């Protein structure tokens, strides 16, 4: 009986692990100007104010340590989505006057590298097509390499400006 109770408790904990991981008290990034964290409705906030555009976690979210660029801190937000688009990224620029998020960027694939390059942040990733697309097209998309560069609030993908 005791073993069944322990096993049931373990199963409940494992099943609810994603929910616990997104607890607003655990998902935080401290910048020189304040703190990014989830509010009680799972929206990303800066010093208690929701970002514009808003960022709400899908199945999960991760916040990087801030990158310092002069009078701006930049936090990379990784949003874990579903099967159709597993991963998207946001750059949140934080200054004395507040925080501003980019629109979501990426190919829906996880970055293979994230690095600071002087006054920019570079994300390298493969292309992506979801599981409902033909296998051959999915393989071809995965062979495409993408380098996203965030510099001074602007984002390029393989040298072409994103939105």
C-alpha atoms as a PDB file:
ATOM      1  CA  UNK A   1       0.000   0.000   0.000  1.00  0.00           C
ATOM      2  CA  UNK A   2       2.792   2.447   0.909  1.00  0.00           C
ATOM      3  CA  UNK A   3       4.572   1.781  -2.406  1.00  0.00           C
ATOM      4  CA  UNK A   4       1.357   2.456  -4.345  1.00  0.00           C
ATOM      5  CA  UNK A   5       0.894   5.747  -2.507  1.00  0.00           C
ATOM      6  CA  UNK A   6       4.457   6.836  -3.276  1.00  0.00           C
ATOM      7  CA  UNK A   7       4.086   5.760  -6.900  1.00  0.00           C
ATOM      8  CA  UNK A   8       0.829   7.735  -7.200  1.00  0.00           C
ATOM      9  CA  UNK A   9       2.487  10.827  -5.698  1.00  0.00           C
ATOM     10  CA  UNK A  10       5.409  10.526  -8.123  1.00  0.00           C
ATOM     11  CA  UNK A  11       3.049  10.190 -11.099  1.00  0.00           C
ATOM     12  CA  UNK A  12       1.071  13.259 -10.007  1.00  0.00           C
ATOM     13  CA  UNK A  13       4.282  15.272  -9.584  1.00  0.00           C
ATOM     14  CA  UNK A  14       5.605  14.209 -13.005  1.00  0.00           C
ATOM     15  CA  UNK A  15       2.273  14.925 -14.711  1.00  0.00           C
ATOM     16  CA  UNK A  16       2.143  18.395 -13.169  1.00  0.00           C
ATOM     17  CA  UNK A  17       5.845  19.236 -13.607  1.00  0.00           C
ATOM     18  CA  UNK A  18       5.259  21.659 -16.514  1.00  0.00           C
ATOM     19  CA  UNK A  19       2.687  23.528 -14.438  1.00  0.00           C
ATOM     20  CA  UNK A  20       5.078  23.802 -11.502  1.00  0.00           C
ATOM     21  CA  UNK A  21       7.936  24.909 -13.774  1.00  0.00           C
ATOM     22  CA  UNK A  22       5.871  27.884 -14.949  1.00  0.00           C
ATOM     23  CA  UNK A  23       5.191  29.133 -11.437  1.00  0.00           C
ATOM     24  CA  UNK A  24       5.503  32.923 -11.541  1.00  0.00           C
ATOM     25  CA  UNK A  25       7.766  32.828  -8.501  1.00  0.00           C
ATOM     26  CA  UNK A  26      10.317  30.698 -10.375  1.00  0.00           C
ATOM     27  CA  UNK A  27      10.393  32.288 -13.843  1.00  0.00           C
ATOM     28  CA  UNK A  28      12.305  35.557 -13.430  1.00  0.00           C
ATOM     29  CA  UNK A  29      15.127  37.542 -14.958  1.00  0.00           C
ATOM     30  CA  UNK A  30      16.610  40.497 -13.085  1.00  0.00           C
ATOM     31  CA  UNK A  31      17.916  43.372 -15.205  1.00  0.00           C
ATOM     32  CA  UNK A  32      19.645  46.591 -14.132  1.00  0.00           C
ATOM     33  CA  UNK A  33      16.269  48.331 -14.385  1.00  0.00           C
ATOM     34  CA  UNK A  34      13.891  45.830 -12.814  1.00  0.00           C
ATOM     35  CA  UNK A  35      12.524  42.340 -13.087  1.00  0.00           C
ATOM     36  CA  UNK A  36      10.814  40.341 -15.818  1.00  0.00           C
ATOM     37  CA  UNK A  37       8.420  37.710 -14.453  1.00  0.00           C
ATOM     38  CA  UNK A  38       5.042  36.067 -14.972  1.00  0.00           C
ATOM     39  CA  UNK A  39       1.975  37.639 -13.381  1.00  0.00           C
ATOM     40  CA  UNK A  40      -0.912  35.680 -11.858  1.00  0.00           C
ATOM     41  CA  UNK A  41      -2.446  35.238 -15.340  1.00  0.00           C
ATOM     42  CA  UNK A  42       0.812  33.843 -16.823  1.00  0.00           C
ATOM     43  CA  UNK A  43       1.639  36.971 -18.815  1.00  0.00           C
ATOM     44  CA  UNK A  44       5.218  38.228 -18.900  1.00  0.00           C
ATOM     45  CA  UNK A  45       5.591  41.534 -17.063  1.00  0.00           C
ATOM     46  CA  UNK A  46       8.291  44.082 -16.363  1.00  0.00           C
ATOM     47  CA  UNK A  47       8.052  45.602 -12.886  1.00  0.00           C
ATOM     48  CA  UNK A  48       4.385  44.561 -12.767  1.00  0.00           C
ATOM     49  CA  UNK A  49       3.401  45.947 -16.196  1.00  0.00           C
ATOM     50  CA  UNK A  50       2.566  43.641 -19.106  1.00  0.00           C
ATOM     51  CA  UNK A  51       4.798  43.806 -22.127  1.00  0.00           C
ATOM     52  CA  UNK A  52       3.688  45.140 -25.473  1.00  0.00           C
ATOM     53  CA  UNK A  53       3.290  43.042 -27.501  1.00  0.00           C
ATOM     54  CA  UNK A  54       2.219  40.602 -24.779  1.00  0.00           C
ATOM     55  CA  UNK A  55       4.065  37.346 -24.188  1.00  0.00           C
ATOM     56  CA  UNK A  56       2.205  34.415 -22.680  1.00  0.00           C
ATOM     57  CA  UNK A  57       3.904  31.051 -22.260  1.00  0.00           C
ATOM     58  CA  UNK A  58       2.647  28.173 -24.351  1.00  0.00           C
ATOM     59  CA  UNK A  59       3.696  24.934 -22.723  1.00  0.00           C
ATOM     60  CA  UNK A  60       6.750  26.578 -21.204  1.00  0.00           C
ATOM     61  CA  UNK A  61       9.071  29.538 -21.233  1.00  0.00           C
ATOM     62  CA  UNK A  62      12.673  30.332 -20.433  1.00  0.00           C
ATOM     63  CA  UNK A  63      14.315  33.702 -19.779  1.00  0.00           C
ATOM     64  CA  UNK A  64      18.014  34.272 -20.388  1.00  0.00           C
ATOM     65  CA  UNK A  65      20.309  36.275 -18.207  1.00  0.00           C
ATOM     66  CA  UNK A  66      20.383  39.858 -19.496  1.00  0.00           C
ATOM     67  CA  UNK A  67      22.853  40.853 -22.185  1.00  0.00           C
ATOM     68  CA  UNK A  68      24.153  44.395 -21.568  1.00  0.00           C
ATOM     69  CA  UNK A  69      24.434  46.750 -24.529  1.00  0.00           C
ATOM     70  CA  UNK A  70      25.213  50.296 -23.336  1.00  0.00           C
ATOM     71  CA  UNK A  71      22.107  51.656 -21.586  1.00  0.00           C
ATOM     72  CA  UNK A  72      19.972  48.656 -22.626  1.00  0.00           C
ATOM     73  CA  UNK A  73      19.628  45.152 -21.198  1.00  0.00           C
ATOM     74  CA  UNK A  74      18.297  42.509 -23.593  1.00  0.00           C
ATOM     75  CA  UNK A  75      16.656  39.306 -22.364  1.00  0.00           C
ATOM     76  CA  UNK A  76      16.070  36.429 -24.765  1.00  0.00           C
ATOM     77  CA  UNK A  77      12.721  34.753 -24.122  1.00  0.00           C
ATOM     78  CA  UNK A  78      12.284  31.197 -25.371  1.00  0.00           C
ATOM     79  CA  UNK A  79       8.644  30.150 -25.710  1.00  0.00           C
ATOM     80  CA  UNK A  80       7.855  26.447 -25.919  1.00  0.00           C
ATOM     81  CA  UNK A  81       4.836  25.832 -28.131  1.00  0.00           C
ATOM     82  CA  UNK A  82       3.030  22.817 -29.476  1.00  0.00           C
ATOM     83  CA  UNK A  83       3.612  20.305 -32.229  1.00  0.00           C
ATOM     84  CA  UNK A  84       3.015  22.713 -35.114  1.00  0.00           C
ATOM     85  CA  UNK A  85       5.572  25.261 -33.844  1.00  0.00           C
ATOM     86  CA  UNK A  86       7.639  23.920 -30.946  1.00  0.00           C
ATOM     87  CA  UNK A  87       9.885  26.948 -30.234  1.00  0.00           C
ATOM     88  CA  UNK A  88       9.713  30.702 -30.800  1.00  0.00           C
ATOM     89  CA  UNK A  89      11.934  33.515 -29.521  1.00  0.00           C
ATOM     90  CA  UNK A  90      11.372  37.077 -28.355  1.00  0.00           C
ATOM     91  CA  UNK A  91      13.964  39.720 -27.543  1.00  0.00           C
ATOM     92  CA  UNK A  92      12.971  42.018 -24.687  1.00  0.00           C
ATOM     93  CA  UNK A  93      14.853  45.325 -24.594  1.00  0.00           C
ATOM     94  CA  UNK A  94      14.872  46.868 -21.123  1.00  0.00           C
ATOM     95  CA  UNK A  95      15.900  50.461 -20.353  1.00  0.00           C
ATOM     96  CA  UNK A  96      15.249  52.983 -17.592  1.00  0.00           C
ATOM     97  CA  UNK A  97      11.982  53.927 -19.319  1.00  0.00           C
ATOM     98  CA  UNK A  98      10.586  50.386 -19.538  1.00  0.00           C
ATOM     99  CA  UNK A  99      10.614  47.180 -21.557  1.00  0.00           C
ATOM    100  CA  UNK A 100       9.607  46.355 -25.115  1.00  0.00           C
ATOM    101  CA  UNK A 101       9.345  42.924 -26.706  1.00  0.00           C
ATOM    102  CA  UNK A 102       9.838  42.032 -30.345  1.00  0.00           C
ATOM    103  CA  UNK A 103       7.251  39.979 -32.152  1.00  0.00           C
ATOM    104  CA  UNK A 104       7.992  36.243 -32.067  1.00  0.00           C
ATOM    105  CA  UNK A 105      10.837  35.169 -34.347  1.00  0.00           C
ATOM    106  CA  UNK A 106      12.419  31.905 -35.416  1.00  0.00           C
ATOM    107  CA  UNK A 107      11.730  28.964 -37.668  1.00  0.00           C
ATOM    108  CA  UNK A 108       9.841  27.046 -34.947  1.00  0.00           C
ATOM    109  CA  UNK A 109      12.980  24.969 -34.403  1.00  0.00           C
ATOM    110  CA  UNK A 110      15.217  25.157 -31.348  1.00  0.00           C
ATOM    111  CA  UNK A 111      18.382  27.208 -31.754  1.00  0.00           C
ATOM    112  CA  UNK A 112      21.532  25.126 -32.081  1.00  0.00           C
ATOM    113  CA  UNK A 113      23.600  28.043 -30.784  1.00  0.00           C
ATOM    114  CA  UNK A 114      22.973  31.357 -29.071  1.00  0.00           C
ATOM    115  CA  UNK A 115      25.904  33.722 -28.817  1.00  0.00           C
ATOM    116  CA  UNK A 116      26.795  37.327 -28.308  1.00  0.00           C
ATOM    117  CA  UNK A 117      28.660  38.832 -31.249  1.00  0.00           C
ATOM    118  CA  UNK A 118      29.884  42.293 -30.288  1.00  0.00           C
ATOM    119  CA  UNK A 119      26.800  44.515 -30.193  1.00  0.00           C
ATOM    120  CA  UNK A 120      24.397  41.762 -31.308  1.00  0.00           C
ATOM    121  CA  UNK A 121      22.905  38.421 -30.320  1.00  0.00           C
ATOM    122  CA  UNK A 122      22.972  35.601 -32.887  1.00  0.00           C
ATOM    123  CA  UNK A 123      20.695  32.558 -32.919  1.00  0.00           C
ATOM    124  CA  UNK A 124      21.513  29.720 -35.310  1.00  0.00           C
ATOM    125  CA  UNK A 125      18.813  27.174 -36.141  1.00  0.00           C
ATOM    126  CA  UNK A 126      17.522  24.803 -38.786  1.00  0.00           C
ATOM    127  CA  UNK A 127      14.369  25.381 -40.787  1.00  0.00           C
ATOM    128  CA  UNK A 128      11.177  23.642 -39.698  1.00  0.00           C
ATOM    129  CA  UNK A 129       7.957  22.244 -41.119  1.00  0.00           C
ATOM    130  CA  UNK A 130       5.451  20.605 -38.802  1.00  0.00           C
ATOM    131  CA  UNK A 131       4.567  16.914 -38.564  1.00  0.00           C
ATOM    132  CA  UNK A 132       1.566  17.284 -40.853  1.00  0.00           C
ATOM    133  CA  UNK A 133       3.723  18.302 -43.813  1.00  0.00           C
ATOM    134  CA  UNK A 134       5.181  15.736 -46.275  1.00  0.00           C
ATOM    135  CA  UNK A 135       8.340  14.068 -44.951  1.00  0.00           C
ATOM    136  CA  UNK A 136      10.466  15.128 -47.919  1.00  0.00           C
ATOM    137  CA  UNK A 137       9.541  18.797 -47.461  1.00  0.00           C
ATOM    138  CA  UNK A 138      10.244  18.534 -43.731  1.00  0.00           C
ATOM    139  CA  UNK A 139      13.724  17.126 -44.427  1.00  0.00           C
ATOM    140  CA  UNK A 140      14.436  19.858 -46.965  1.00  0.00           C
ATOM    141  CA  UNK A 141      13.331  22.586 -44.527  1.00  0.00           C
ATOM    142  CA  UNK A 142      15.587  21.120 -41.810  1.00  0.00           C
ATOM    143  CA  UNK A 143      18.588  21.393 -44.166  1.00  0.00           C
ATOM    144  CA  UNK A 144      18.099  25.160 -44.425  1.00  0.00           C
ATOM    145  CA  UNK A 145      20.304  27.019 -41.968  1.00  0.00           C
ATOM    146  CA  UNK A 146      19.043  30.262 -40.441  1.00  0.00           C
ATOM    147  CA  UNK A 147      21.060  32.836 -38.514  1.00  0.00           C
ATOM    148  CA  UNK A 148      18.901  35.389 -36.735  1.00  0.00           C
ATOM    149  CA  UNK A 149      20.735  38.513 -35.605  1.00  0.00           C
ATOM    150  CA  UNK A 150      19.297  40.959 -33.072  1.00  0.00           C
ATOM    151  CA  UNK A 151      21.073  44.335 -33.167  1.00  0.00           C
ATOM    152  CA  UNK A 152      19.780  47.698 -31.889  1.00  0.00           C
ATOM    153  CA  UNK A 153      16.171  46.490 -31.793  1.00  0.00           C
ATOM    154  CA  UNK A 154      16.194  45.119 -35.359  1.00  0.00           C
ATOM    155  CA  UNK A 155      16.221  41.447 -36.369  1.00  0.00           C
ATOM    156  CA  UNK A 156      17.562  39.887 -39.545  1.00  0.00           C
ATOM    157  CA  UNK A 157      17.249  36.293 -40.775  1.00  0.00           C
ATOM    158  CA  UNK A 158      20.167  35.384 -43.046  1.00  0.00           C
ATOM    159  CA  UNK A 159      20.728  39.102 -43.668  1.00  0.00           C
ATOM    160  CA  UNK A 160      17.098  39.973 -44.525  1.00  0.00           C
ATOM    161  CA  UNK A 161      15.183  42.171 -42.113  1.00  0.00           C
ATOM    162  CA  UNK A 162      12.391  40.400 -40.217  1.00  0.00           C
ATOM    163  CA  UNK A 163       9.081  42.334 -40.076  1.00  0.00           C
END
